[in-house]
Amino acid sequence: MALPIMATPTLEGEEALRFYEEMRENEIKGVSDEEIRRGAEIYNAVMKRNPDMKGLFGGVGI
């Protein structure tokens, strides 16, 4: 039996302001080459261990 879908939480007041400020900071900071390399390694390891998943993602490799 499926579980009911819960309502999407909304941010208000201080939480909303903090969220948008963190988004701005992350856009400016960006992603380091190390983070990109690590993400690619994890993706490739998952694809290697689960070859059937390649069909779901169009066989895209990094």
PDB file of N, CA and C in Angstrom:
ATOM      1  N   MET A   1       0.843  -1.174   0.000  1.00  0.00           N
ATOM      2  CA  MET A   1       0.000   0.000   0.000  1.00  0.00           C
ATOM      3  C   MET A   1       0.892   1.243   0.000  1.00  0.00           C
ATOM      4  N   ALA A   2       0.541   2.207  -0.822  1.00  0.00           N
ATOM      5  CA  ALA A   2       1.329   3.429  -0.947  1.00  0.00           C
ATOM      6  C   ALA A   2       1.078   4.350   0.238  1.00  0.00           C
ATOM      7  N   LEU A   3       2.094   5.096   0.584  1.00  0.00           N
ATOM      8  CA  LEU A   3       1.963   6.089   1.653  1.00  0.00           C
ATOM      9  C   LEU A   3       1.415   7.381   1.063  1.00  0.00           C
ATOM     10  N   PRO A   4       0.631   8.128   1.807  1.00  0.00           N
ATOM     11  CA  PRO A   4       0.114   9.391   1.291  1.00  0.00           C
ATOM     12  C   PRO A   4       1.255  10.395   1.081  1.00  0.00           C
ATOM     13  N   ILE A   5       1.088  11.218   0.077  1.00  0.00           N
ATOM     14  CA  ILE A   5       2.077  12.253  -0.213  1.00  0.00           C
ATOM     15  C   ILE A   5       1.895  13.382   0.791  1.00  0.00           C
ATOM     16  N   MET A   6       3.012  13.774   1.412  1.00  0.00           N
ATOM     17  CA  MET A   6       2.948  14.845   2.403  1.00  0.00           C
ATOM     18  C   MET A   6       3.043  16.202   1.713  1.00  0.00           C
ATOM     19  N   ALA A   7       2.525  17.194   2.354  1.00  0.00           N
ATOM     20  CA  ALA A   7       2.573  18.552   1.827  1.00  0.00           C
ATOM     21  C   ALA A   7       4.016  19.040   1.743  1.00  0.00           C
ATOM     22  N   THR A   8       4.300  19.825   0.717  1.00  0.00           N
ATOM     23  CA  THR A   8       5.627  20.403   0.559  1.00  0.00           C
ATOM     24  C   THR A   8       5.813  21.501   1.607  1.00  0.00           C
ATOM     25  N   PRO A   9       6.888  21.431   2.376  1.00  0.00           N
ATOM     26  CA  PRO A   9       7.098  22.473   3.382  1.00  0.00           C
ATOM     27  C   PRO A   9       7.438  23.816   2.719  1.00  0.00           C
ATOM     28  N   THR A  10       7.052  24.877   3.335  1.00  0.00           N
ATOM     29  CA  THR A  10       7.377  26.215   2.831  1.00  0.00           C
ATOM     30  C   THR A  10       8.227  26.936   3.864  1.00  0.00           C
ATOM     31  N   LEU A  11       9.125  27.749   3.371  1.00  0.00           N
ATOM     32  CA  LEU A  11       9.983  28.532   4.252  1.00  0.00           C
ATOM     33  C   LEU A  11       9.404  29.934   4.381  1.00  0.00           C
ATOM     34  N   GLU A  12       9.427  30.443   5.587  1.00  0.00           N
ATOM     35  CA  GLU A  12       8.901  31.781   5.837  1.00  0.00           C
ATOM     36  C   GLU A  12       9.841  32.537   6.759  1.00  0.00           C
ATOM     37  N   GLY A  13       9.783  33.837   6.674  1.00  0.00           N
ATOM     38  CA  GLY A  13      10.534  34.696   7.589  1.00  0.00           C
ATOM     39  C   GLY A  13      12.035  34.485   7.531  1.00  0.00           C
ATOM     40  N   GLU A  14      12.644  34.306   8.713  1.00  0.00           N
ATOM     41  CA  GLU A  14      14.098  34.154   8.832  1.00  0.00           C
ATOM     42  C   GLU A  14      14.623  32.955   8.045  1.00  0.00           C
ATOM     43  N   GLU A  15      13.874  31.854   8.066  1.00  0.00           N
ATOM     44  CA  GLU A  15      14.311  30.664   7.345  1.00  0.00           C
ATOM     45  C   GLU A  15      14.400  30.936   5.844  1.00  0.00           C
ATOM     46  N   ALA A  16      13.426  31.635   5.294  1.00  0.00           N
ATOM     47  CA  ALA A  16      13.424  31.953   3.872  1.00  0.00           C
ATOM     48  C   ALA A  16      14.594  32.873   3.531  1.00  0.00           C
ATOM     49  N   LEU A  17      14.827  33.880   4.355  1.00  0.00           N
ATOM     50  CA  LEU A  17      15.936  34.801   4.108  1.00  0.00           C
ATOM     51  C   LEU A  17      17.281  34.069   4.154  1.00  0.00           C
ATOM     52  N   ARG A  18      17.450  33.192   5.138  1.00  0.00           N
ATOM     53  CA  ARG A  18      18.690  32.423   5.260  1.00  0.00           C
ATOM     54  C   ARG A  18      18.872  31.509   4.050  1.00  0.00           C
ATOM     55  N   PHE A  19      17.797  30.880   3.584  1.00  0.00           N
ATOM     56  CA  PHE A  19      17.852  29.998   2.421  1.00  0.00           C
ATOM     57  C   PHE A  19      18.345  30.749   1.186  1.00  0.00           C
ATOM     58  N   TYR A  20      17.750  31.914   0.895  1.00  0.00           N
ATOM     59  CA  TYR A  20      18.145  32.685  -0.272  1.00  0.00           C
ATOM     60  C   TYR A  20      19.564  33.225  -0.149  1.00  0.00           C
ATOM     61  N   GLU A  21      19.972  33.589   1.036  1.00  0.00           N
ATOM     62  CA  GLU A  21      21.342  34.058   1.243  1.00  0.00           C
ATOM     63  C   GLU A  21      22.335  32.929   0.979  1.00  0.00           C
ATOM     64  N   GLU A  22      22.038  31.729   1.460  1.00  0.00           N
ATOM     65  CA  GLU A  22      22.915  30.581   1.215  1.00  0.00           C
ATOM     66  C   GLU A  22      22.965  30.233  -0.269  1.00  0.00           C
ATOM     67  N   MET A  23      21.838  30.384  -0.973  1.00  0.00           N
ATOM     68  CA  MET A  23      21.831  30.124  -2.417  1.00  0.00           C
ATOM     69  C   MET A  23      22.749  31.108  -3.136  1.00  0.00           C
ATOM     70  N   ARG A  24      22.680  32.382  -2.768  1.00  0.00           N
ATOM     71  CA  ARG A  24      23.543  33.397  -3.385  1.00  0.00           C
ATOM     72  C   ARG A  24      25.012  33.092  -3.125  1.00  0.00           C
ATOM     73  N   GLU A  25      25.346  32.731  -1.882  1.00  0.00           N
ATOM     74  CA  GLU A  25      26.734  32.416  -1.537  1.00  0.00           C
ATOM     75  C   GLU A  25      27.237  31.222  -2.328  1.00  0.00           C
ATOM     76  N   ASN A  26      26.406  30.195  -2.479  1.00  0.00           N
ATOM     77  CA  ASN A  26      26.815  29.005  -3.221  1.00  0.00           C
ATOM     78  C   ASN A  26      26.994  29.286  -4.707  1.00  0.00           C
ATOM     79  N   GLU A  27      26.178  30.172  -5.274  1.00  0.00           N
ATOM     80  CA  GLU A  27      26.348  30.539  -6.678  1.00  0.00           C
ATOM     81  C   GLU A  27      27.689  31.231  -6.891  1.00  0.00           C
ATOM     82  N   ILE A  28      28.059  32.090  -5.978  1.00  0.00           N
ATOM     83  CA  ILE A  28      29.321  32.825  -6.088  1.00  0.00           C
ATOM     84  C   ILE A  28      30.501  31.878  -5.889  1.00  0.00           C
ATOM     85  N   LYS A  29      30.395  31.012  -4.880  1.00  0.00           N
ATOM     86  CA  LYS A  29      31.486  30.101  -4.540  1.00  0.00           C
ATOM     87  C   LYS A  29      31.727  29.080  -5.648  1.00  0.00           C
ATOM     88  N   GLY A  30      30.675  28.541  -6.229  1.00  0.00           N
ATOM     89  CA  GLY A  30      30.807  27.555  -7.289  1.00  0.00           C
ATOM     90  C   GLY A  30      31.260  26.194  -6.773  1.00  0.00           C
ATOM     91  N   VAL A  31      31.705  25.358  -7.700  1.00  0.00           N
ATOM     92  CA  VAL A  31      32.117  23.996  -7.388  1.00  0.00           C
ATOM     93  C   VAL A  31      33.587  23.838  -7.760  1.00  0.00           C
ATOM     94  N   SER A  32      34.364  23.251  -6.861  1.00  0.00           N
ATOM     95  CA  SER A  32      35.788  23.075  -7.130  1.00  0.00           C
ATOM     96  C   SER A  32      36.011  21.920  -8.105  1.00  0.00           C
ATOM     97  N   ASP A  33      37.172  21.924  -8.749  1.00  0.00           N
ATOM     98  CA  ASP A  33      37.538  20.834  -9.662  1.00  0.00           C
ATOM     99  C   ASP A  33      37.582  19.509  -8.919  1.00  0.00           C
ATOM    100  N   GLU A  34      37.988  19.531  -7.659  1.00  0.00           N
ATOM    101  CA  GLU A  34      38.053  18.308  -6.856  1.00  0.00           C
ATOM    102  C   GLU A  34      36.653  17.716  -6.650  1.00  0.00           C
ATOM    103  N   GLU A  35      35.668  18.583  -6.376  1.00  0.00           N
ATOM    104  CA  GLU A  35      34.301  18.096  -6.194  1.00  0.00           C
ATOM    105  C   GLU A  35      33.754  17.490  -7.487  1.00  0.00           C
ATOM    106  N   ILE A  36      34.054  18.111  -8.611  1.00  0.00           N
ATOM    107  CA  ILE A  36      33.611  17.590  -9.906  1.00  0.00           C
ATOM    108  C   ILE A  36      34.260  16.241 -10.177  1.00  0.00           C
ATOM    109  N   ARG A  37      35.572  16.135  -9.934  1.00  0.00           N
ATOM    110  CA  ARG A  37      36.286  14.880 -10.157  1.00  0.00           C
ATOM    111  C   ARG A  37      35.719  13.775  -9.275  1.00  0.00           C
ATOM    112  N   ARG A  38      35.467  14.085  -8.009  1.00  0.00           N
ATOM    113  CA  ARG A  38      34.926  13.095  -7.070  1.00  0.00           C
ATOM    114  C   ARG A  38      33.536  12.638  -7.499  1.00  0.00           C
ATOM    115  N   GLY A  39      32.701  13.561  -7.926  1.00  0.00           N
ATOM    116  CA  GLY A  39      31.365  13.205  -8.407  1.00  0.00           C
ATOM    117  C   GLY A  39      31.423  12.311  -9.632  1.00  0.00           C
ATOM    118  N   ALA A  40      32.347  12.615 -10.548  1.00  0.00           N
ATOM    119  CA  ALA A  40      32.505  11.793 -11.749  1.00  0.00           C
ATOM    120  C   ALA A  40      32.975  10.394 -11.383  1.00  0.00           C
ATOM    121  N   GLU A  41      33.893  10.281 -10.426  1.00  0.00           N
ATOM    122  CA  GLU A  41      34.374   8.963  -9.996  1.00  0.00           C
ATOM    123  C   GLU A  41      33.246   8.135  -9.386  1.00  0.00           C
ATOM    124  N   ILE A  42      32.423   8.762  -8.566  1.00  0.00           N
ATOM    125  CA  ILE A  42      31.302   8.050  -7.942  1.00  0.00           C
ATOM    126  C   ILE A  42      30.310   7.601  -9.013  1.00  0.00           C
ATOM    127  N   TYR A  43      29.976   8.503  -9.934  1.00  0.00           N
ATOM    128  CA  TYR A  43      29.048   8.171 -11.016  1.00  0.00           C
ATOM    129  C   TYR A  43      29.572   6.988 -11.822  1.00  0.00           C
ATOM    130  N   ASN A  44      30.846   7.038 -12.215  1.00  0.00           N
ATOM    131  CA  ASN A  44      31.414   5.966 -13.022  1.00  0.00           C
ATOM    132  C   ASN A  44      31.457   4.648 -12.256  1.00  0.00           C
ATOM    133  N   ALA A  45      31.726   4.689 -10.965  1.00  0.00           N
ATOM    134  CA  ALA A  45      31.743   3.468 -10.159  1.00  0.00           C
ATOM    135  C   ALA A  45      30.348   2.859 -10.073  1.00  0.00           C
ATOM    136  N   VAL A  46      29.338   3.704  -9.909  1.00  0.00           N
ATOM    137  CA  VAL A  46      27.962   3.204  -9.846  1.00  0.00           C
ATOM    138  C   VAL A  46      27.571   2.583 -11.190  1.00  0.00           C
ATOM    139  N   MET A  47      27.901   3.235 -12.281  1.00  0.00           N
ATOM    140  CA  MET A  47      27.564   2.713 -13.604  1.00  0.00           C
ATOM    141  C   MET A  47      28.295   1.396 -13.884  1.00  0.00           C
ATOM    142  N   LYS A  48      29.523   1.287 -13.407  1.00  0.00           N
ATOM    143  CA  LYS A  48      30.289   0.065 -13.628  1.00  0.00           C
ATOM    144  C   LYS A  48      29.665  -1.111 -12.863  1.00  0.00           C
ATOM    145  N   ARG A  49      29.200  -0.856 -11.642  1.00  0.00           N
ATOM    146  CA  ARG A  49      28.616  -1.917 -10.813  1.00  0.00           C
ATOM    147  C   ARG A  49      27.174  -2.219 -11.205  1.00  0.00           C
ATOM    148  N   ASN A  50      26.506  -1.305 -11.897  1.00  0.00           N
ATOM    149  CA  ASN A  50      25.099  -1.473 -12.278  1.00  0.00           C
ATOM    150  C   ASN A  50      24.924  -1.140 -13.764  1.00  0.00           C
ATOM    151  N   PRO A  51      25.407  -2.004 -14.649  1.00  0.00           N
ATOM    152  CA  PRO A  51      25.367  -1.685 -16.084  1.00  0.00           C
ATOM    153  C   PRO A  51      23.955  -1.486 -16.623  1.00  0.00           C
ATOM    154  N   ASP A  52      22.945  -2.081 -15.982  1.00  0.00           N
ATOM    155  CA  ASP A  52      21.571  -1.889 -16.439  1.00  0.00           C
ATOM    156  C   ASP A  52      21.096  -0.452 -16.263  1.00  0.00           C
ATOM    157  N   MET A  53      21.751   0.312 -15.396  1.00  0.00           N
ATOM    158  CA  MET A  53      21.373   1.712 -15.177  1.00  0.00           C
ATOM    159  C   MET A  53      21.765   2.598 -16.360  1.00  0.00           C
ATOM    160  N   LYS A  54      22.740   2.159 -17.151  1.00  0.00           N
ATOM    161  CA  LYS A  54      23.154   2.972 -18.304  1.00  0.00           C
ATOM    162  C   LYS A  54      21.999   3.244 -19.229  1.00  0.00           C
ATOM    163  N   GLY A  55      21.101   2.266 -19.386  1.00  0.00           N
ATOM    164  CA  GLY A  55      19.944   2.459 -20.247  1.00  0.00           C
ATOM    165  C   GLY A  55      19.022   3.544 -19.740  1.00  0.00           C
ATOM    166  N   LEU A  56      18.950   3.709 -18.432  1.00  0.00           N
ATOM    167  CA  LEU A  56      18.082   4.745 -17.873  1.00  0.00           C
ATOM    168  C   LEU A  56      18.623   6.143 -18.117  1.00  0.00           C
ATOM    169  N   PHE A  57      19.931   6.260 -18.230  1.00  0.00           N
ATOM    170  CA  PHE A  57      20.566   7.572 -18.391  1.00  0.00           C
ATOM    171  C   PHE A  57      21.156   7.773 -19.775  1.00  0.00           C
ATOM    172  N   GLY A  58      20.773   6.943 -20.704  1.00  0.00           N
ATOM    173  CA  GLY A  58      21.240   7.097 -22.074  1.00  0.00           C
ATOM    174  C   GLY A  58      22.694   6.722 -22.285  1.00  0.00           C
ATOM    175  N   GLY A  59      23.269   5.948 -21.397  1.00  0.00           N
ATOM    176  CA  GLY A  59      24.650   5.517 -21.562  1.00  0.00           C
ATOM    177  C   GLY A  59      25.659   6.641 -21.425  1.00  0.00           C
ATOM    178  N   VAL A  60      25.271   7.716 -20.775  1.00  0.00           N
ATOM    179  CA  VAL A  60      26.156   8.874 -20.616  1.00  0.00           C
ATOM    180  C   VAL A  60      27.298   8.492 -19.673  1.00  0.00           C
ATOM    181  N   GLY A  61      28.498   8.768 -20.081  1.00  0.00           N
ATOM    182  CA  GLY A  61      29.670   8.528 -19.235  1.00  0.00           C
ATOM    183  C   GLY A  61      30.436   9.805 -19.032  1.00  0.00           C
ATOM    184  N   ILE A  62      31.117   9.887 -17.925  1.00  0.00           N
ATOM    185  CA  ILE A  62      31.908  11.094 -17.639  1.00  0.00           C
ATOM    186  C   ILE A  62      33.368  10.712 -17.687  1.00  0.00           C
TER     187      ILE A  62
END
